[in-house]
């Protein structure tokens, strides 16, 4: 369970590329993008590897956050823990309506973000 807590969604792609995960070059363990050490062997040597961009929602929640971008307004956000088909779990946003149940298939897409190139979000895969 500790491994799940260290994985958070961040910029995980270059401008043209797919969802990128980290593969430990020491033991081959596949990890989420934002890790500093391999949980299997504690190595800090990684290479980026493309992922399919598909997965399932493990857990999700709709939350309302305040934003000062446009004068402190309420902004609804759908957040989720996503299990990628390759194995690693990511914390991410879900675009659109949340599925009725965990386990629904989702696909990665990208949104522009003022502080970085693109951030992954997931949409329900129908």
C-alpha atoms as a PDB file:
ATOM      1  CA  UNK A   1       0.000   0.000   0.000  1.00  0.00           C
ATOM      2  CA  UNK A   2       2.941   2.368   0.582  1.00  0.00           C
ATOM      3  CA  UNK A   3       3.781   2.249  -3.132  1.00  0.00           C
ATOM      4  CA  UNK A   4       0.396   3.726  -3.974  1.00  0.00           C
ATOM      5  CA  UNK A   5       0.983   6.760  -1.774  1.00  0.00           C
ATOM      6  CA  UNK A   6       4.215   7.733  -3.510  1.00  0.00           C
ATOM      7  CA  UNK A   7       2.622   7.816  -6.981  1.00  0.00           C
ATOM      8  CA  UNK A   8       1.053  11.113  -7.957  1.00  0.00           C
ATOM      9  CA  UNK A   9       0.013  12.344 -11.357  1.00  0.00           C
ATOM     10  CA  UNK A  10       2.337  14.918 -12.915  1.00  0.00           C
ATOM     11  CA  UNK A  11       3.546  15.806 -16.358  1.00  0.00           C
ATOM     12  CA  UNK A  12       4.344  12.445 -17.896  1.00  0.00           C
ATOM     13  CA  UNK A  13       4.764  13.088 -21.577  1.00  0.00           C
ATOM     14  CA  UNK A  14       6.703  15.187 -23.991  1.00  0.00           C
ATOM     15  CA  UNK A  15       4.825  17.354 -26.505  1.00  0.00           C
ATOM     16  CA  UNK A  16       4.180  14.575 -29.036  1.00  0.00           C
ATOM     17  CA  UNK A  17       4.528  11.405 -27.054  1.00  0.00           C
ATOM     18  CA  UNK A  18       2.311   8.883 -25.292  1.00  0.00           C
ATOM     19  CA  UNK A  19       1.806   8.406 -21.574  1.00  0.00           C
ATOM     20  CA  UNK A  20       5.275   7.659 -20.196  1.00  0.00           C
ATOM     21  CA  UNK A  21       6.022   5.432 -17.229  1.00  0.00           C
ATOM     22  CA  UNK A  22       9.380   4.702 -15.573  1.00  0.00           C
ATOM     23  CA  UNK A  23      11.148   1.362 -15.878  1.00  0.00           C
ATOM     24  CA  UNK A  24      13.915   0.631 -13.371  1.00  0.00           C
ATOM     25  CA  UNK A  25      17.099  -0.060 -15.320  1.00  0.00           C
ATOM     26  CA  UNK A  26      18.411  -2.217 -12.456  1.00  0.00           C
ATOM     27  CA  UNK A  27      15.540  -4.676 -11.959  1.00  0.00           C
ATOM     28  CA  UNK A  28      13.020  -3.835 -14.706  1.00  0.00           C
ATOM     29  CA  UNK A  29      10.185  -2.915 -12.319  1.00  0.00           C
ATOM     30  CA  UNK A  30       7.663  -0.539 -13.934  1.00  0.00           C
ATOM     31  CA  UNK A  31       6.710   2.557 -11.915  1.00  0.00           C
ATOM     32  CA  UNK A  32       4.538   5.648 -12.103  1.00  0.00           C
ATOM     33  CA  UNK A  33       6.166   8.832 -13.443  1.00  0.00           C
ATOM     34  CA  UNK A  34       6.770  10.625 -10.144  1.00  0.00           C
ATOM     35  CA  UNK A  35       9.008   8.301  -8.177  1.00  0.00           C
ATOM     36  CA  UNK A  36      12.556   8.865  -7.064  1.00  0.00           C
ATOM     37  CA  UNK A  37      13.483   5.263  -6.209  1.00  0.00           C
ATOM     38  CA  UNK A  38      12.339   1.837  -7.313  1.00  0.00           C
ATOM     39  CA  UNK A  39      10.171   0.220  -4.636  1.00  0.00           C
ATOM     40  CA  UNK A  40      11.487  -3.230  -5.616  1.00  0.00           C
ATOM     41  CA  UNK A  41      15.258  -2.630  -5.433  1.00  0.00           C
ATOM     42  CA  UNK A  42      15.618   1.040  -4.274  1.00  0.00           C
ATOM     43  CA  UNK A  43      17.623   1.999  -7.383  1.00  0.00           C
ATOM     44  CA  UNK A  44      17.288   5.565  -8.653  1.00  0.00           C
ATOM     45  CA  UNK A  45      18.106   4.652 -12.266  1.00  0.00           C
ATOM     46  CA  UNK A  46      15.089   4.771 -14.601  1.00  0.00           C
ATOM     47  CA  UNK A  47      14.291   4.952 -18.276  1.00  0.00           C
ATOM     48  CA  UNK A  48      11.029   6.235 -19.687  1.00  0.00           C
ATOM     49  CA  UNK A  49       8.831   3.711 -21.428  1.00  0.00           C
ATOM     50  CA  UNK A  50       5.600   4.376 -23.356  1.00  0.00           C
ATOM     51  CA  UNK A  51       2.337   3.047 -21.968  1.00  0.00           C
ATOM     52  CA  UNK A  52      -0.900   2.181 -23.757  1.00  0.00           C
ATOM     53  CA  UNK A  53      -2.757   5.035 -22.048  1.00  0.00           C
ATOM     54  CA  UNK A  54      -5.527   2.637 -21.001  1.00  0.00           C
ATOM     55  CA  UNK A  55      -6.544   1.582 -17.532  1.00  0.00           C
ATOM     56  CA  UNK A  56      -9.320   1.273 -14.988  1.00  0.00           C
ATOM     57  CA  UNK A  57     -10.567   3.490 -12.197  1.00  0.00           C
ATOM     58  CA  UNK A  58      -9.713   2.015  -8.810  1.00  0.00           C
ATOM     59  CA  UNK A  59     -11.399   4.789  -6.831  1.00  0.00           C
ATOM     60  CA  UNK A  60     -12.835   8.214  -7.656  1.00  0.00           C
ATOM     61  CA  UNK A  61     -14.372  11.254  -6.032  1.00  0.00           C
ATOM     62  CA  UNK A  62     -15.991  14.447  -7.245  1.00  0.00           C
ATOM     63  CA  UNK A  63     -14.704  17.441  -5.281  1.00  0.00           C
ATOM     64  CA  UNK A  64     -15.236  21.191  -5.385  1.00  0.00           C
ATOM     65  CA  UNK A  65     -12.150  23.358  -5.141  1.00  0.00           C
ATOM     66  CA  UNK A  66     -11.777  27.091  -5.057  1.00  0.00           C
ATOM     67  CA  UNK A  67      -9.709  28.866  -7.650  1.00  0.00           C
ATOM     68  CA  UNK A  68      -8.175  32.323  -7.676  1.00  0.00           C
ATOM     69  CA  UNK A  69      -7.645  32.224 -11.470  1.00  0.00           C
ATOM     70  CA  UNK A  70     -10.918  34.062 -11.984  1.00  0.00           C
ATOM     71  CA  UNK A  71     -11.718  35.611  -8.633  1.00  0.00           C
ATOM     72  CA  UNK A  72     -12.208  32.749  -6.209  1.00  0.00           C
ATOM     73  CA  UNK A  73     -14.945  30.599  -7.626  1.00  0.00           C
ATOM     74  CA  UNK A  74     -15.969  27.022  -7.004  1.00  0.00           C
ATOM     75  CA  UNK A  75     -14.562  24.608  -9.570  1.00  0.00           C
ATOM     76  CA  UNK A  76     -15.775  20.987  -9.667  1.00  0.00           C
ATOM     77  CA  UNK A  77     -13.037  18.394 -10.205  1.00  0.00           C
ATOM     78  CA  UNK A  78     -13.232  14.647 -10.659  1.00  0.00           C
ATOM     79  CA  UNK A  79     -10.188  12.958  -9.170  1.00  0.00           C
ATOM     80  CA  UNK A  80      -9.286   9.291  -9.292  1.00  0.00           C
ATOM     81  CA  UNK A  81      -6.733   6.602  -8.701  1.00  0.00           C
ATOM     82  CA  UNK A  82      -6.119   4.949 -12.053  1.00  0.00           C
ATOM     83  CA  UNK A  83      -4.560   1.509 -12.491  1.00  0.00           C
ATOM     84  CA  UNK A  84      -2.807   1.547 -15.851  1.00  0.00           C
ATOM     85  CA  UNK A  85      -2.972  -1.604 -17.962  1.00  0.00           C
ATOM     86  CA  UNK A  86       0.795  -1.891 -17.447  1.00  0.00           C
ATOM     87  CA  UNK A  87       0.405  -2.006 -13.652  1.00  0.00           C
ATOM     88  CA  UNK A  88       1.412   1.310 -12.018  1.00  0.00           C
ATOM     89  CA  UNK A  89      -1.276   3.391 -10.347  1.00  0.00           C
ATOM     90  CA  UNK A  90      -1.586   7.136 -10.966  1.00  0.00           C
ATOM     91  CA  UNK A  91      -3.500   9.901  -9.261  1.00  0.00           C
ATOM     92  CA  UNK A  92      -5.256  11.865 -11.979  1.00  0.00           C
ATOM     93  CA  UNK A  93      -8.274  13.875 -13.056  1.00  0.00           C
ATOM     94  CA  UNK A  94     -11.207  12.380 -14.938  1.00  0.00           C
ATOM     95  CA  UNK A  95     -12.634  14.554 -17.732  1.00  0.00           C
ATOM     96  CA  UNK A  96     -16.424  14.589 -17.929  1.00  0.00           C
ATOM     97  CA  UNK A  97     -18.766  12.557 -15.790  1.00  0.00           C
ATOM     98  CA  UNK A  98     -17.427   9.972 -13.385  1.00  0.00           C
ATOM     99  CA  UNK A  99     -18.415   6.394 -14.197  1.00  0.00           C
ATOM    100  CA  UNK A 100     -21.055   4.832 -11.977  1.00  0.00           C
ATOM    101  CA  UNK A 101     -18.649   2.232 -10.591  1.00  0.00           C
ATOM    102  CA  UNK A 102     -14.964   1.539 -10.135  1.00  0.00           C
ATOM    103  CA  UNK A 103     -13.448  -0.768 -12.728  1.00  0.00           C
ATOM    104  CA  UNK A 104     -14.723   1.124 -15.776  1.00  0.00           C
ATOM    105  CA  UNK A 105     -12.217   1.364 -18.641  1.00  0.00           C
ATOM    106  CA  UNK A 106     -10.615   4.750 -19.250  1.00  0.00           C
ATOM    107  CA  UNK A 107      -8.203   6.274 -21.772  1.00  0.00           C
ATOM    108  CA  UNK A 108      -5.592   8.992 -21.258  1.00  0.00           C
ATOM    109  CA  UNK A 109      -5.884  12.358 -22.990  1.00  0.00           C
ATOM    110  CA  UNK A 110      -4.039  15.589 -22.373  1.00  0.00           C
ATOM    111  CA  UNK A 111      -4.947  19.134 -21.394  1.00  0.00           C
ATOM    112  CA  UNK A 112      -2.848  22.252 -21.628  1.00  0.00           C
ATOM    113  CA  UNK A 113      -1.670  23.607 -18.292  1.00  0.00           C
ATOM    114  CA  UNK A 114      -0.144  27.050 -17.828  1.00  0.00           C
ATOM    115  CA  UNK A 115       2.750  25.747 -15.720  1.00  0.00           C
ATOM    116  CA  UNK A 116       3.803  22.883 -17.991  1.00  0.00           C
ATOM    117  CA  UNK A 117       3.387  21.451 -21.471  1.00  0.00           C
ATOM    118  CA  UNK A 118       0.558  18.967 -20.961  1.00  0.00           C
ATOM    119  CA  UNK A 119      -0.886  16.997 -18.070  1.00  0.00           C
ATOM    120  CA  UNK A 120      -2.608  13.633 -18.374  1.00  0.00           C
ATOM    121  CA  UNK A 121      -6.306  13.340 -17.663  1.00  0.00           C
ATOM    122  CA  UNK A 122      -8.457  10.319 -18.310  1.00  0.00           C
ATOM    123  CA  UNK A 123     -11.807   9.971 -20.050  1.00  0.00           C
ATOM    124  CA  UNK A 124     -14.233   7.064 -19.891  1.00  0.00           C
ATOM    125  CA  UNK A 125     -13.460   4.628 -22.712  1.00  0.00           C
ATOM    126  CA  UNK A 126     -16.698   3.533 -24.386  1.00  0.00           C
END
